[in-house]
Amino acid sequence: MNGANTSQARLAEGRPDGAQALRDLHLELDRRGLLEPSGLWGRKLIVWIPILFFSYLGLLALPFGLLWLALVPLASVGLLTMGYLGHDAGHYALSKRRWINDVCGHFGMTFLCGFSFGFWRSRHNRHHAHCQEVDGDPDMHFGVVFSVYPDSASWKTACGRFFLRIQRWAFWPLSCFYWAGLRYDGIRDLFQQPKLTRVDRFVLPLHWLVLLVVPGLVFGWGAATAAYLAVSCVSSLMTASVFIPNHIGMRRLTEADKPSFLEQQVTTSRDISNPPVLDFYYGGLNSQIEHHLFPRVAHDRYRAMRPVVRAFCEARGIAYEEASLTGALAAVGRHLGAMTAAYRASQKRPAPTAGGRQLTSVDLRGGRGG
């Protein structure tokens, strides 16, 4: 079952009024023509594929200097845009034809970005269906390095506890190397997720061949490595600046929480306010609420949808959060710091006991005992 179908199925799990409200909102947006198909990606690819090609070629051919430095962010935005191509393809937002989404997804995400599009699509759809659920949302788990909810995996390892003390300050510098983890995951997924990565196993090697090996043989390994690392690190930082403010610090859900699908998607997401001229940088993900409600809609519709969705939510008492980028980044920093403070506080409190036996974290979560 794909993410869109999963999301629709989960409508029945929430309160009936929430399901009806979402249907009403869908009808209102449809009446305004905001759910119509768009030729956005045709126009974007005509612009951004040449920009990415020539800027990356310039990094390979030109000596290090001011022009070289200026080409790095340009090529990085080009690569970021190819990631957005894969993202929208994963939601089948490019075309009603499945094969077009599949081809574009593997081209943008597997070939150019070096990630496993097949496995990423499955993982990302789980995020949409279970947004901000501690036990269901894979994006709530940052391995053993960062903590975004209490008693997370990082609290239980020496490495995690070390970074937990400094995560508020280390998060953004380390996000420059986010690409290394994603590309490692892409290679690992070929072996661990063979059914989901049947196409990736043929396409992913081309990423390394075209972006690193062939340039190394033609332009020299120094130039090829410098270009590859510079674009990878800067595009990773850009990716983090877009994705991280969307949910971190927003409402967190446990098994006890049973909101409707509409309420869950709105109250766990944050929109970013920015001038329309910068929408190309965000790929529509600055309208995270609208994206989570209608992931199959072309993202150039989201800005026009915002006032309709906001008014709709306010009329029903559903919290709708919109913040500036600086405000959202500050909220992320406060949340990361709060997790550090929560960990320190947990170490200072004496563990409660029952019948002379010290209670463990499993007991406190209801995993054992009465």
Foldseek 3Di string as FASTA:
>chain_A
DFLVVLLLVQLVQADVVLSVLLVVLVVVCVVVVLQDADPVVVVVCVPLVVQLVVLLVCLLAPDDDDSNVVSQVSNLLSLLLLCLLLQLLLVQQHDPDNVVSVVSNCVSCQQALQAQSLVVSRLVSQCLSQPQEPVGRPVCAPDLAAHQDAPHNVLPDPNSLVNLQVVLPVVLVCLLCVSVVRNVNRVVCVPVVVVRRVVSVVRNVNNCCVQQVVSCVVRNNVSSVVSVSSSSSVSSSLVCLQPVLFARLFDHDYPVDRHRSLLVLFRRTEAADDPPVCCSSNLLSSLRSVCSSPVNGRSVSSVVSVVSSVVSCVVVVRDHHYYHSVVSSVSNSVSSVVNSVVSVVVVPDQADDDPPHGDDPCVVVVNDDD
